[in-house]
Amino acid sequence: MIELENAAYTYGGEALLTDMTLTLAPGTFHFLTGPSGAGKTTFLKLLYGALQATEGAVRIFGDDVTGLSRDQIALMRRRVGVVHQDCQFLDHLPVAENVALPLTVSGQATPDQVDNLNELMGWVGLHGKFEALPPQLSGGERQRAALARALILSPDVILADEPTGNVDWEMSQRLLRLLIELNRMGKTVMIATHDLALIRAAKAHVQARVLRIAGRTLHTAGADL
C-alpha cells in the first residue's frame, strides 16, 4: 500500500532522514515514536506525498511518487486521511463545514455525502456541534473534528500526527478507540506519538507494530515499552 525503499530526505544540505525502508500493508496498525525533532512529521509527509524523498523510492498505492504529476498526487492523497498536529480550521466556518471541506474542494459534496457527514459527525461524538465555530470547541472536540475531516473521503490509510498531544488521558483513550475501530474496519493506521503509555494501552486491544526514528533512520522498537 505504501512502501519506502532506502528513502532519504535532505533539506538545506542537511540529511534529516536516511535509509528508510518500510512497507505499510493494508489493514495494519503502526505507532511511530521518537524524540521531538527526530523527524516524525517529516516522515509522515513522505508517506502521503507532501514531501518527496531526495534519495531512494516512495511508492504509494503502487505508484512511485516522483513520477506523478501534481494532479495525480492530489488524487492519490484523497485515499490518505491525515490528522495534523495543529488541527487548523477556518474559524469563520461552522464545524460541519470545516469537516466537509475536502468534499467541497474535490467537488464531491452530493446529498449522499451530506448524509455521510451527519453519520460521521455522530460517530466521533460531535452531535449538537454542527453549527459551532472552531474556537468554541474544547481540545478534545477539535481533535475529533480533525479526525472526522480526515475520514470524510473514506480513505484507505489514516496518518495521525500526535493526535492526543493536547488532550487529557480520558480523551486520548477515546481517540485511540476510534482509531482502533477504524483499523478493525480494514483501514491502515499510523499514529505518530511520544506517549509510550498510549502505546502500551493500545497493545492490549490491537496488534500494532512500533517504529522509532533515531539517528535519522527508522528502527523497529523493542517489545518492552
N, C-alpha and C. Protein backbone atom coordinates (compact mmCIF):
# COMPACT_ATOMS: atom_id res chain seq x y z
N MET A 1 0.83 -1.20 0.00
CA MET A 1 0.00 0.00 0.00
C MET A 1 0.87 1.26 0.00
N ILE A 2 1.77 1.38 0.99
CA ILE A 2 2.78 2.43 0.98
C ILE A 2 4.12 1.77 1.25
N GLU A 3 5.09 2.04 0.39
CA GLU A 3 6.41 1.42 0.52
C GLU A 3 7.50 2.49 0.45
N LEU A 4 8.45 2.39 1.33
CA LEU A 4 9.66 3.19 1.28
C LEU A 4 10.83 2.25 1.07
N GLU A 5 11.67 2.57 0.10
CA GLU A 5 12.84 1.74 -0.20
C GLU A 5 14.09 2.62 -0.17
N ASN A 6 14.88 2.48 0.90
CA ASN A 6 16.11 3.26 1.07
C ASN A 6 15.86 4.75 0.86
N ALA A 7 14.72 5.22 1.33
CA ALA A 7 14.34 6.62 1.12
C ALA A 7 15.09 7.52 2.09
N ALA A 8 15.40 8.71 1.63
CA ALA A 8 16.07 9.72 2.45
C ALA A 8 15.48 11.08 2.12
N TYR A 9 15.60 11.99 3.08
CA TYR A 9 15.13 13.36 2.84
C TYR A 9 16.18 14.34 3.37
N THR A 10 16.63 15.19 2.48
CA THR A 10 17.64 16.20 2.81
C THR A 10 17.06 17.58 2.57
N TYR A 11 17.28 18.49 3.50
CA TYR A 11 16.79 19.86 3.36
C TYR A 11 17.91 20.83 3.71
N GLY A 12 18.17 21.76 2.80
CA GLY A 12 19.21 22.76 3.05
C GLY A 12 20.59 22.15 3.23
N GLY A 13 20.80 21.02 2.54
CA GLY A 13 22.09 20.37 2.64
C GLY A 13 22.26 19.48 3.86
N GLU A 14 21.24 19.41 4.72
CA GLU A 14 21.31 18.59 5.92
C GLU A 14 20.42 17.36 5.76
N ALA A 15 20.96 16.19 6.02
CA ALA A 15 20.18 14.96 5.95
C ALA A 15 19.29 14.86 7.18
N LEU A 16 17.96 14.94 6.98
CA LEU A 16 17.01 14.84 8.09
C LEU A 16 16.60 13.39 8.35
N LEU A 17 16.45 12.62 7.27
CA LEU A 17 16.10 11.20 7.36
C LEU A 17 16.93 10.44 6.34
N THR A 18 17.42 9.26 6.70
CA THR A 18 18.25 8.50 5.79
C THR A 18 17.88 7.02 5.83
N ASP A 19 18.09 6.34 4.71
CA ASP A 19 18.00 4.89 4.63
C ASP A 19 16.73 4.33 5.26
N MET A 20 15.57 4.89 4.86
CA MET A 20 14.28 4.48 5.42
C MET A 20 13.65 3.42 4.52
N THR A 21 13.42 2.23 5.08
CA THR A 21 12.78 1.15 4.34
C THR A 21 11.61 0.62 5.17
N LEU A 22 10.44 0.59 4.56
CA LEU A 22 9.22 0.22 5.30
C LEU A 22 8.12 -0.13 4.33
N THR A 23 7.27 -1.09 4.72
CA THR A 23 6.05 -1.38 3.98
C THR A 23 4.87 -1.29 4.92
N LEU A 24 3.89 -0.47 4.56
CA LEU A 24 2.62 -0.40 5.30
C LEU A 24 1.60 -1.23 4.52
N ALA A 25 1.33 -2.41 5.03
CA ALA A 25 0.40 -3.31 4.34
C ALA A 25 -1.04 -2.92 4.66
N PRO A 26 -2.00 -3.30 3.80
CA PRO A 26 -3.41 -2.99 4.07
C PRO A 26 -3.86 -3.57 5.41
N GLY A 27 -4.59 -2.76 6.17
CA GLY A 27 -5.19 -3.23 7.41
C GLY A 27 -4.26 -3.34 8.59
N THR A 28 -3.07 -2.77 8.50
CA THR A 28 -2.10 -2.86 9.60
C THR A 28 -2.17 -1.61 10.48
N PHE A 29 -1.61 -1.73 11.68
CA PHE A 29 -1.65 -0.64 12.68
C PHE A 29 -0.20 -0.39 13.13
N HIS A 30 0.20 0.86 13.12
CA HIS A 30 1.58 1.21 13.44
C HIS A 30 1.62 2.42 14.37
N PHE A 31 2.59 2.41 15.26
CA PHE A 31 2.95 3.60 16.02
C PHE A 31 4.33 4.07 15.56
N LEU A 32 4.51 5.37 15.51
CA LEU A 32 5.79 5.97 15.17
C LEU A 32 6.23 6.83 16.34
N THR A 33 7.38 6.49 16.94
CA THR A 33 7.87 7.23 18.10
C THR A 33 9.22 7.87 17.78
N GLY A 34 9.71 8.60 18.75
CA GLY A 34 10.99 9.28 18.61
C GLY A 34 10.92 10.61 19.32
N PRO A 35 12.06 11.13 19.74
CA PRO A 35 12.07 12.40 20.47
C PRO A 35 11.62 13.57 19.59
N SER A 36 11.24 14.66 20.22
CA SER A 36 10.88 15.86 19.48
C SER A 36 12.04 16.27 18.57
N GLY A 37 11.71 16.59 17.33
CA GLY A 37 12.74 16.98 16.39
C GLY A 37 13.38 15.82 15.65
N ALA A 38 12.93 14.58 15.94
CA ALA A 38 13.55 13.42 15.29
C ALA A 38 13.16 13.30 13.82
N GLY A 39 12.03 13.91 13.45
CA GLY A 39 11.59 13.86 12.06
C GLY A 39 10.31 13.09 11.82
N LYS A 40 9.50 12.93 12.88
CA LYS A 40 8.26 12.16 12.73
C LYS A 40 7.31 12.82 11.73
N THR A 41 7.14 14.13 11.84
CA THR A 41 6.22 14.83 10.92
C THR A 41 6.76 14.78 9.50
N THR A 42 8.05 14.96 9.33
CA THR A 42 8.66 14.87 8.00
C THR A 42 8.43 13.48 7.41
N PHE A 43 8.59 12.45 8.23
CA PHE A 43 8.37 11.08 7.78
C PHE A 43 6.93 10.89 7.31
N LEU A 44 5.97 11.36 8.09
CA LEU A 44 4.57 11.24 7.68
C LEU A 44 4.31 11.96 6.36
N LYS A 45 4.94 13.11 6.17
CA LYS A 45 4.75 13.85 4.91
C LYS A 45 5.27 13.06 3.72
N LEU A 46 6.33 12.30 3.91
CA LEU A 46 6.80 11.42 2.84
C LEU A 46 5.77 10.36 2.51
N LEU A 47 5.05 9.89 3.52
CA LEU A 47 4.08 8.81 3.33
C LEU A 47 2.85 9.25 2.54
N TYR A 48 2.54 10.56 2.55
CA TYR A 48 1.36 10.97 1.78
C TYR A 48 1.70 11.97 0.67
N GLY A 49 2.97 12.05 0.32
CA GLY A 49 3.35 12.81 -0.86
C GLY A 49 3.45 14.31 -0.68
N ALA A 50 3.35 14.81 0.56
CA ALA A 50 3.51 16.24 0.79
C ALA A 50 4.98 16.65 0.60
N LEU A 51 5.89 15.70 0.84
CA LEU A 51 7.31 15.87 0.54
C LEU A 51 7.75 14.71 -0.33
N GLN A 52 8.76 14.93 -1.15
CA GLN A 52 9.30 13.85 -1.97
C GLN A 52 10.70 13.51 -1.49
N ALA A 53 10.98 12.23 -1.43
CA ALA A 53 12.29 11.77 -1.00
C ALA A 53 13.37 12.30 -1.93
N THR A 54 14.51 12.68 -1.35
CA THR A 54 15.63 13.16 -2.16
C THR A 54 16.52 12.01 -2.61
N GLU A 55 16.36 10.83 -2.00
CA GLU A 55 17.03 9.61 -2.43
C GLU A 55 16.07 8.44 -2.22
N GLY A 56 16.33 7.35 -2.93
CA GLY A 56 15.50 6.17 -2.76
C GLY A 56 14.13 6.34 -3.40
N ALA A 57 13.20 5.49 -3.01
CA ALA A 57 11.87 5.48 -3.64
C ALA A 57 10.78 5.45 -2.59
N VAL A 58 9.69 6.15 -2.90
CA VAL A 58 8.46 6.08 -2.11
C VAL A 58 7.34 5.72 -3.08
N ARG A 59 6.71 4.58 -2.83
CA ARG A 59 5.59 4.14 -3.68
C ARG A 59 4.32 4.14 -2.85
N ILE A 60 3.32 4.83 -3.38
CA ILE A 60 2.02 4.94 -2.69
C ILE A 60 0.96 4.34 -3.59
N PHE A 61 0.30 3.30 -3.11
CA PHE A 61 -0.69 2.55 -3.90
C PHE A 61 -0.08 2.09 -5.23
N GLY A 62 1.20 1.69 -5.16
CA GLY A 62 1.88 1.12 -6.32
C GLY A 62 2.58 2.10 -7.23
N ASP A 63 2.37 3.39 -7.05
CA ASP A 63 2.97 4.40 -7.92
C ASP A 63 4.13 5.09 -7.23
N ASP A 64 5.25 5.22 -7.94
CA ASP A 64 6.39 5.98 -7.43
C ASP A 64 6.01 7.46 -7.44
N VAL A 65 6.09 8.09 -6.27
CA VAL A 65 5.64 9.48 -6.13
C VAL A 65 6.39 10.41 -7.07
N THR A 66 7.67 10.14 -7.33
CA THR A 66 8.46 11.05 -8.18
C THR A 66 7.95 11.07 -9.62
N GLY A 67 7.21 10.05 -10.01
CA GLY A 67 6.71 10.01 -11.38
C GLY A 67 5.31 10.58 -11.54
N LEU A 68 4.73 11.09 -10.46
CA LEU A 68 3.35 11.59 -10.51
C LEU A 68 3.32 13.10 -10.72
N SER A 69 2.32 13.55 -11.47
CA SER A 69 2.09 14.99 -11.61
C SER A 69 1.42 15.52 -10.35
N ARG A 70 1.34 16.85 -10.25
CA ARG A 70 0.68 17.46 -9.09
C ARG A 70 -0.77 17.00 -8.98
N ASP A 71 -1.47 16.92 -10.12
CA ASP A 71 -2.87 16.49 -10.10
C ASP A 71 -2.98 15.03 -9.67
N GLN A 72 -2.06 14.19 -10.14
CA GLN A 72 -2.08 12.78 -9.75
C GLN A 72 -1.81 12.61 -8.26
N ILE A 73 -0.90 13.41 -7.71
CA ILE A 73 -0.63 13.36 -6.28
C ILE A 73 -1.87 13.80 -5.50
N ALA A 74 -2.56 14.84 -5.99
CA ALA A 74 -3.77 15.30 -5.31
C ALA A 74 -4.84 14.20 -5.29
N LEU A 75 -4.99 13.48 -6.40
CA LEU A 75 -5.96 12.38 -6.44
C LEU A 75 -5.55 11.26 -5.49
N MET A 76 -4.27 10.94 -5.48
CA MET A 76 -3.78 9.89 -4.60
C MET A 76 -4.01 10.24 -3.14
N ARG A 77 -3.82 11.51 -2.79
CA ARG A 77 -3.93 11.93 -1.39
C ARG A 77 -5.37 11.87 -0.88
N ARG A 78 -6.35 11.75 -1.77
CA ARG A 78 -7.72 11.55 -1.31
C ARG A 78 -7.88 10.20 -0.63
N ARG A 79 -6.96 9.29 -0.90
CA ARG A 79 -7.02 7.96 -0.30
C ARG A 79 -6.25 7.88 1.01
N VAL A 80 -5.67 9.01 1.43
CA VAL A 80 -4.90 9.07 2.68
C VAL A 80 -5.48 10.18 3.54
N GLY A 81 -6.04 9.82 4.69
CA GLY A 81 -6.57 10.82 5.62
C GLY A 81 -5.49 11.20 6.62
N VAL A 82 -5.27 12.50 6.79
CA VAL A 82 -4.21 12.98 7.67
C VAL A 82 -4.82 13.82 8.79
N VAL A 83 -4.50 13.45 10.03
CA VAL A 83 -4.88 14.24 11.20
C VAL A 83 -3.64 15.02 11.62
N HIS A 84 -3.65 16.31 11.33
CA HIS A 84 -2.47 17.13 11.57
C HIS A 84 -2.35 17.49 13.06
N GLN A 85 -1.12 17.72 13.47
CA GLN A 85 -0.85 18.02 14.87
C GLN A 85 -1.50 19.32 15.32
N ASP A 86 -1.57 20.31 14.41
CA ASP A 86 -2.04 21.63 14.82
C ASP A 86 -3.55 21.83 14.64
N CYS A 87 -4.25 20.86 14.03
CA CYS A 87 -5.73 20.93 13.90
C CYS A 87 -6.20 22.28 13.37
N GLN A 88 -5.68 22.74 12.29
CA GLN A 88 -6.06 24.05 11.76
C GLN A 88 -7.45 23.99 11.12
N PHE A 89 -8.28 24.96 11.49
CA PHE A 89 -9.62 25.09 10.92
C PHE A 89 -9.82 26.53 10.45
N LEU A 90 -10.85 26.71 9.63
CA LEU A 90 -11.27 28.06 9.26
C LEU A 90 -12.26 28.53 10.31
N ASP A 91 -11.82 29.46 11.15
CA ASP A 91 -12.59 29.82 12.34
C ASP A 91 -13.93 30.48 12.03
N HIS A 92 -14.10 31.02 10.83
CA HIS A 92 -15.38 31.68 10.50
C HIS A 92 -16.42 30.71 9.96
N LEU A 93 -16.03 29.44 9.75
CA LEU A 93 -16.98 28.45 9.24
C LEU A 93 -17.40 27.50 10.36
N PRO A 94 -18.67 27.07 10.38
CA PRO A 94 -19.11 26.08 11.37
C PRO A 94 -18.30 24.80 11.26
N VAL A 95 -18.30 24.04 12.32
CA VAL A 95 -17.52 22.80 12.37
C VAL A 95 -17.90 21.86 11.23
N ALA A 96 -19.20 21.69 10.97
CA ALA A 96 -19.63 20.77 9.92
C ALA A 96 -19.06 21.18 8.57
N GLU A 97 -19.00 22.46 8.28
CA GLU A 97 -18.44 22.92 7.01
C GLU A 97 -16.94 22.71 6.96
N ASN A 98 -16.26 22.87 8.10
CA ASN A 98 -14.83 22.58 8.14
C ASN A 98 -14.57 21.10 7.86
N VAL A 99 -15.37 20.23 8.49
CA VAL A 99 -15.19 18.79 8.27
C VAL A 99 -15.45 18.43 6.81
N ALA A 100 -16.41 19.11 6.18
CA ALA A 100 -16.80 18.80 4.81
C ALA A 100 -15.91 19.46 3.76
N LEU A 101 -14.93 20.26 4.16
CA LEU A 101 -14.11 20.99 3.18
C LEU A 101 -13.46 20.07 2.14
N PRO A 102 -12.91 18.91 2.52
CA PRO A 102 -12.34 18.04 1.47
C PRO A 102 -13.37 17.64 0.41
N LEU A 103 -14.63 17.46 0.82
CA LEU A 103 -15.69 17.16 -0.16
C LEU A 103 -15.90 18.34 -1.09
N THR A 104 -15.94 19.53 -0.52
CA THR A 104 -16.18 20.74 -1.31
C THR A 104 -15.06 20.98 -2.30
N VAL A 105 -13.83 20.87 -1.82
CA VAL A 105 -12.66 21.12 -2.67
C VAL A 105 -12.57 20.10 -3.80
N SER A 106 -12.94 18.86 -3.52
CA SER A 106 -12.83 17.80 -4.53
C SER A 106 -14.09 17.69 -5.40
N GLY A 107 -15.08 18.55 -5.15
CA GLY A 107 -16.30 18.54 -5.96
C GLY A 107 -17.20 17.36 -5.69
N GLN A 108 -17.15 16.79 -4.47
CA GLN A 108 -17.93 15.60 -4.15
C GLN A 108 -19.04 15.88 -3.14
N ALA A 109 -19.42 17.13 -2.97
CA ALA A 109 -20.42 17.48 -1.96
C ALA A 109 -21.83 17.20 -2.48
N THR A 110 -22.21 15.92 -2.57
CA THR A 110 -23.51 15.50 -3.05
C THR A 110 -24.44 15.28 -1.86
N PRO A 111 -25.76 15.17 -2.10
CA PRO A 111 -26.68 14.90 -0.98
C PRO A 111 -26.31 13.64 -0.21
N ASP A 112 -25.88 12.59 -0.92
CA ASP A 112 -25.48 11.36 -0.22
C ASP A 112 -24.31 11.62 0.71
N GLN A 113 -23.37 12.44 0.26
CA GLN A 113 -22.22 12.75 1.09
C GLN A 113 -22.61 13.58 2.30
N VAL A 114 -23.63 14.41 2.17
CA VAL A 114 -24.13 15.17 3.32
C VAL A 114 -24.66 14.22 4.38
N ASP A 115 -25.37 13.16 3.94
CA ASP A 115 -25.84 12.15 4.89
C ASP A 115 -24.66 11.46 5.57
N ASN A 116 -23.60 11.18 4.79
CA ASN A 116 -22.40 10.57 5.37
C ASN A 116 -21.76 11.50 6.40
N LEU A 117 -21.80 12.81 6.12
CA LEU A 117 -21.24 13.79 7.05
C LEU A 117 -21.99 13.74 8.38
N ASN A 118 -23.31 13.69 8.32
CA ASN A 118 -24.10 13.62 9.55
C ASN A 118 -23.75 12.38 10.37
N GLU A 119 -23.61 11.25 9.68
CA GLU A 119 -23.28 9.99 10.36
C GLU A 119 -21.88 10.06 10.96
N LEU A 120 -20.94 10.63 10.20
CA LEU A 120 -19.56 10.71 10.67
C LEU A 120 -19.44 11.62 11.88
N MET A 121 -20.12 12.75 11.84
CA MET A 121 -20.08 13.68 12.99
C MET A 121 -20.62 13.01 14.24
N GLY A 122 -21.67 12.20 14.07
CA GLY A 122 -22.19 11.47 15.21
C GLY A 122 -21.23 10.41 15.70
N TRP A 123 -20.55 9.73 14.77
CA TRP A 123 -19.64 8.66 15.14
C TRP A 123 -18.48 9.16 15.99
N VAL A 124 -17.99 10.37 15.71
CA VAL A 124 -16.89 10.92 16.51
C VAL A 124 -17.39 11.69 17.73
N GLY A 125 -18.70 11.66 17.97
CA GLY A 125 -19.24 12.26 19.18
C GLY A 125 -19.42 13.76 19.11
N LEU A 126 -19.75 14.28 17.93
CA LEU A 126 -19.94 15.72 17.77
C LEU A 126 -21.38 16.08 17.44
N HIS A 127 -22.33 15.26 17.87
CA HIS A 127 -23.74 15.63 17.75
C HIS A 127 -23.97 16.95 18.48
N GLY A 128 -24.73 17.82 17.88
CA GLY A 128 -25.02 19.10 18.52
C GLY A 128 -23.95 20.16 18.30
N LYS A 129 -22.88 19.82 17.56
CA LYS A 129 -21.79 20.77 17.32
C LYS A 129 -21.70 21.20 15.85
N PHE A 130 -22.71 20.86 15.07
CA PHE A 130 -22.66 21.15 13.64
C PHE A 130 -22.44 22.63 13.36
N GLU A 131 -23.14 23.49 14.09
CA GLU A 131 -23.10 24.93 13.82
C GLU A 131 -22.10 25.67 14.71
N ALA A 132 -21.43 24.95 15.60
CA ALA A 132 -20.43 25.60 16.46
C ALA A 132 -19.24 26.05 15.62
N LEU A 133 -18.63 27.15 16.03
CA LEU A 133 -17.41 27.60 15.37
C LEU A 133 -16.20 26.95 16.06
N PRO A 134 -15.13 26.72 15.32
CA PRO A 134 -13.97 26.04 15.90
C PRO A 134 -13.47 26.62 17.22
N PRO A 135 -13.43 27.96 17.41
CA PRO A 135 -12.95 28.48 18.70
C PRO A 135 -13.83 28.09 19.89
N GLN A 136 -15.06 27.65 19.59
CA GLN A 136 -15.97 27.26 20.67
C GLN A 136 -15.78 25.80 21.11
N LEU A 137 -14.92 25.07 20.45
CA LEU A 137 -14.72 23.66 20.76
C LEU A 137 -13.63 23.48 21.81
N SER A 138 -13.77 22.42 22.60
CA SER A 138 -12.70 22.03 23.52
C SER A 138 -11.57 21.38 22.73
N GLY A 139 -10.45 21.13 23.39
CA GLY A 139 -9.33 20.48 22.72
C GLY A 139 -9.70 19.12 22.17
N GLY A 140 -10.43 18.33 22.97
CA GLY A 140 -10.84 17.01 22.53
C GLY A 140 -11.81 17.07 21.36
N GLU A 141 -12.71 18.03 21.39
CA GLU A 141 -13.66 18.19 20.28
C GLU A 141 -12.94 18.59 19.00
N ARG A 142 -11.93 19.43 19.12
CA ARG A 142 -11.16 19.82 17.93
C ARG A 142 -10.44 18.61 17.33
N GLN A 143 -9.89 17.76 18.21
CA GLN A 143 -9.20 16.58 17.71
C GLN A 143 -10.18 15.64 17.02
N ARG A 144 -11.38 15.48 17.58
CA ARG A 144 -12.37 14.61 16.96
C ARG A 144 -12.87 15.19 15.63
N ALA A 145 -12.99 16.52 15.57
CA ALA A 145 -13.36 17.16 14.31
C ALA A 145 -12.26 16.96 13.27
N ALA A 146 -11.01 17.04 13.71
CA ALA A 146 -9.89 16.82 12.79
C ALA A 146 -9.90 15.39 12.26
N LEU A 147 -10.23 14.43 13.13
CA LEU A 147 -10.32 13.04 12.69
C LEU A 147 -11.47 12.87 11.69
N ALA A 148 -12.61 13.49 11.97
CA ALA A 148 -13.75 13.41 11.05
C ALA A 148 -13.38 13.98 9.68
N ARG A 149 -12.68 15.11 9.68
CA ARG A 149 -12.27 15.72 8.41
C ARG A 149 -11.33 14.79 7.64
N ALA A 150 -10.43 14.11 8.36
CA ALA A 150 -9.51 13.18 7.70
C ALA A 150 -10.23 11.98 7.11
N LEU A 151 -11.42 11.66 7.65
CA LEU A 151 -12.15 10.47 7.22
C LEU A 151 -13.23 10.75 6.18
N ILE A 152 -13.51 12.00 5.91
CA ILE A 152 -14.69 12.36 5.13
C ILE A 152 -14.65 11.78 3.71
N LEU A 153 -13.46 11.55 3.16
CA LEU A 153 -13.36 10.98 1.81
C LEU A 153 -13.16 9.47 1.83
N SER A 154 -13.42 8.84 2.98
CA SER A 154 -13.30 7.39 3.14
C SER A 154 -11.94 6.88 2.68
N PRO A 155 -10.86 7.36 3.30
CA PRO A 155 -9.52 6.97 2.85
C PRO A 155 -9.19 5.52 3.22
N ASP A 156 -8.17 5.00 2.57
CA ASP A 156 -7.67 3.65 2.88
C ASP A 156 -6.64 3.68 4.00
N VAL A 157 -5.98 4.81 4.15
CA VAL A 157 -4.90 4.96 5.14
C VAL A 157 -5.20 6.19 5.99
N ILE A 158 -4.98 6.08 7.31
CA ILE A 158 -5.10 7.23 8.22
C ILE A 158 -3.76 7.45 8.89
N LEU A 159 -3.22 8.64 8.74
CA LEU A 159 -1.97 9.04 9.38
C LEU A 159 -2.29 10.13 10.40
N ALA A 160 -1.98 9.90 11.66
CA ALA A 160 -2.31 10.85 12.72
C ALA A 160 -1.03 11.32 13.40
N ASP A 161 -0.81 12.63 13.36
CA ASP A 161 0.42 13.23 13.91
C ASP A 161 0.13 13.78 15.30
N GLU A 162 0.57 13.06 16.33
CA GLU A 162 0.37 13.46 17.73
C GLU A 162 -1.10 13.82 18.00
N PRO A 163 -2.04 12.93 17.66
CA PRO A 163 -3.46 13.29 17.80
C PRO A 163 -3.92 13.47 19.24
N THR A 164 -3.15 12.96 20.20
CA THR A 164 -3.54 13.08 21.61
C THR A 164 -2.63 14.02 22.39
N GLY A 165 -1.84 14.81 21.67
CA GLY A 165 -0.84 15.63 22.34
C GLY A 165 -1.39 16.74 23.21
N ASN A 166 -2.61 17.21 22.91
CA ASN A 166 -3.16 18.36 23.63
C ASN A 166 -4.45 18.04 24.38
N VAL A 167 -4.65 16.76 24.70
CA VAL A 167 -5.88 16.38 25.40
C VAL A 167 -5.52 15.53 26.62
N ASP A 168 -6.49 15.38 27.53
CA ASP A 168 -6.23 14.61 28.73
C ASP A 168 -6.28 13.10 28.43
N TRP A 169 -5.96 12.29 29.44
CA TRP A 169 -5.85 10.85 29.24
C TRP A 169 -7.17 10.23 28.81
N GLU A 170 -8.26 10.65 29.41
CA GLU A 170 -9.57 10.09 29.04
C GLU A 170 -9.88 10.33 27.57
N MET A 171 -9.62 11.56 27.10
CA MET A 171 -9.88 11.87 25.70
C MET A 171 -8.88 11.14 24.79
N SER A 172 -7.64 10.98 25.27
CA SER A 172 -6.65 10.22 24.50
C SER A 172 -7.16 8.80 24.24
N GLN A 173 -7.75 8.20 25.29
CA GLN A 173 -8.27 6.85 25.16
C GLN A 173 -9.45 6.80 24.19
N ARG A 174 -10.29 7.83 24.23
CA ARG A 174 -11.43 7.86 23.31
C ARG A 174 -10.96 7.97 21.86
N LEU A 175 -10.00 8.82 21.60
CA LEU A 175 -9.47 8.96 20.25
C LEU A 175 -8.79 7.66 19.80
N LEU A 176 -8.06 7.05 20.73
CA LEU A 176 -7.41 5.79 20.41
C LEU A 176 -8.43 4.72 20.03
N ARG A 177 -9.53 4.64 20.79
CA ARG A 177 -10.57 3.64 20.48
C ARG A 177 -11.15 3.87 19.09
N LEU A 178 -11.34 5.13 18.70
CA LEU A 178 -11.86 5.43 17.37
C LEU A 178 -10.88 4.94 16.30
N LEU A 179 -9.59 5.17 16.51
CA LEU A 179 -8.59 4.76 15.52
C LEU A 179 -8.48 3.24 15.45
N ILE A 180 -8.59 2.57 16.60
CA ILE A 180 -8.58 1.10 16.61
C ILE A 180 -9.80 0.56 15.87
N GLU A 181 -10.94 1.20 16.07
CA GLU A 181 -12.16 0.76 15.37
C GLU A 181 -12.00 0.92 13.86
N LEU A 182 -11.38 2.00 13.44
CA LEU A 182 -11.13 2.20 12.01
C LEU A 182 -10.23 1.10 11.46
N ASN A 183 -9.22 0.73 12.23
CA ASN A 183 -8.34 -0.35 11.81
C ASN A 183 -9.10 -1.67 11.67
N ARG A 184 -10.04 -1.92 12.59
CA ARG A 184 -10.84 -3.14 12.51
C ARG A 184 -11.78 -3.13 11.30
N MET A 185 -12.04 -1.93 10.78
CA MET A 185 -12.83 -1.79 9.56
C MET A 185 -11.98 -1.97 8.31
N GLY A 186 -10.69 -2.23 8.50
CA GLY A 186 -9.81 -2.50 7.36
C GLY A 186 -8.87 -1.38 6.98
N LYS A 187 -8.92 -0.27 7.71
CA LYS A 187 -8.05 0.85 7.40
C LYS A 187 -6.63 0.60 7.92
N THR A 188 -5.65 1.07 7.18
CA THR A 188 -4.27 1.10 7.66
C THR A 188 -4.09 2.36 8.49
N VAL A 189 -3.52 2.22 9.68
CA VAL A 189 -3.41 3.35 10.61
C VAL A 189 -1.96 3.50 11.07
N MET A 190 -1.48 4.74 11.07
CA MET A 190 -0.20 5.04 11.70
C MET A 190 -0.38 6.26 12.59
N ILE A 191 0.03 6.13 13.86
CA ILE A 191 -0.04 7.22 14.82
C ILE A 191 1.37 7.62 15.23
N ALA A 192 1.73 8.86 14.99
CA ALA A 192 2.99 9.39 15.49
C ALA A 192 2.75 9.95 16.89
N THR A 193 3.51 9.47 17.86
CA THR A 193 3.30 9.91 19.24
C THR A 193 4.58 9.72 20.05
N HIS A 194 4.73 10.55 21.07
CA HIS A 194 5.82 10.36 22.04
C HIS A 194 5.28 9.73 23.32
N ASP A 195 3.97 9.44 23.36
CA ASP A 195 3.31 8.95 24.57
C ASP A 195 3.38 7.43 24.63
N LEU A 196 4.37 6.91 25.36
CA LEU A 196 4.53 5.46 25.44
C LEU A 196 3.40 4.79 26.21
N ALA A 197 2.77 5.52 27.15
CA ALA A 197 1.64 4.95 27.88
C ALA A 197 0.47 4.70 26.93
N LEU A 198 0.30 5.57 25.94
CA LEU A 198 -0.76 5.38 24.95
C LEU A 198 -0.49 4.11 24.13
N ILE A 199 0.77 3.89 23.79
CA ILE A 199 1.12 2.71 23.01
C ILE A 199 0.86 1.44 23.83
N ARG A 200 1.26 1.47 25.09
CA ARG A 200 1.02 0.30 25.95
C ARG A 200 -0.47 0.00 26.06
N ALA A 201 -1.27 1.06 26.20
CA ALA A 201 -2.72 0.87 26.30
C ALA A 201 -3.29 0.27 25.02
N ALA A 202 -2.77 0.70 23.89
CA ALA A 202 -3.29 0.21 22.61
C ALA A 202 -2.94 -1.25 22.38
N LYS A 203 -1.76 -1.67 22.81
CA LYS A 203 -1.29 -3.01 22.50
C LYS A 203 -2.14 -4.09 23.17
N ALA A 204 -2.95 -3.70 24.15
CA ALA A 204 -3.88 -4.65 24.76
C ALA A 204 -5.10 -4.90 23.88
N HIS A 205 -5.29 -4.05 22.85
CA HIS A 205 -6.51 -4.13 22.05
C HIS A 205 -6.26 -4.32 20.56
N VAL A 206 -5.03 -4.08 20.11
CA VAL A 206 -4.76 -4.17 18.68
C VAL A 206 -3.32 -4.65 18.48
N GLN A 207 -3.14 -5.43 17.43
CA GLN A 207 -1.78 -5.87 17.09
C GLN A 207 -1.09 -4.73 16.36
N ALA A 208 -0.16 -4.09 17.03
CA ALA A 208 0.47 -2.89 16.48
C ALA A 208 1.97 -3.05 16.39
N ARG A 209 2.54 -2.56 15.30
CA ARG A 209 3.99 -2.52 15.16
C ARG A 209 4.46 -1.15 15.63
N VAL A 210 5.51 -1.13 16.43
CA VAL A 210 6.05 0.13 16.96
C VAL A 210 7.36 0.43 16.25
N LEU A 211 7.41 1.58 15.61
CA LEU A 211 8.59 2.05 14.89
C LEU A 211 9.16 3.25 15.61
N ARG A 212 10.46 3.43 15.52
CA ARG A 212 11.12 4.55 16.19
C ARG A 212 12.12 5.20 15.24
N ILE A 213 12.07 6.53 15.20
CA ILE A 213 13.09 7.27 14.45
C ILE A 213 14.19 7.68 15.43
N ALA A 214 15.40 7.24 15.13
CA ALA A 214 16.56 7.60 15.96
C ALA A 214 17.78 7.65 15.05
N GLY A 215 18.62 8.64 15.26
CA GLY A 215 19.79 8.76 14.42
C GLY A 215 19.45 8.95 12.96
N ARG A 216 18.33 9.61 12.70
CA ARG A 216 17.87 9.97 11.35
C ARG A 216 17.38 8.77 10.52
N THR A 217 17.22 7.61 11.16
CA THR A 217 16.71 6.47 10.42
C THR A 217 15.66 5.74 11.23
N LEU A 218 15.06 4.71 10.62
CA LEU A 218 13.89 4.04 11.20
C LEU A 218 14.30 2.71 11.78
N HIS A 219 13.80 2.44 13.00
CA HIS A 219 14.09 1.19 13.67
C HIS A 219 12.79 0.57 14.17
N THR A 220 12.78 -0.76 14.32
CA THR A 220 11.67 -1.42 14.99
C THR A 220 11.94 -1.38 16.48
N ALA A 221 11.00 -0.82 17.24
CA ALA A 221 11.19 -0.66 18.69
C ALA A 221 11.09 -2.02 19.37
N GLY A 222 11.73 -2.13 20.52
CA GLY A 222 11.65 -3.37 21.29
C GLY A 222 10.26 -3.56 21.88
N ALA A 223 10.02 -4.75 22.38
CA ALA A 223 8.70 -5.07 22.93
C ALA A 223 8.46 -4.39 24.28
N ASP A 224 9.52 -4.10 25.03
CA ASP A 224 9.37 -3.53 26.36
C ASP A 224 9.30 -2.02 26.28
N LEU A 225 8.10 -1.49 26.27
CA LEU A 225 7.91 -0.05 26.18
C LEU A 225 7.47 0.52 27.51
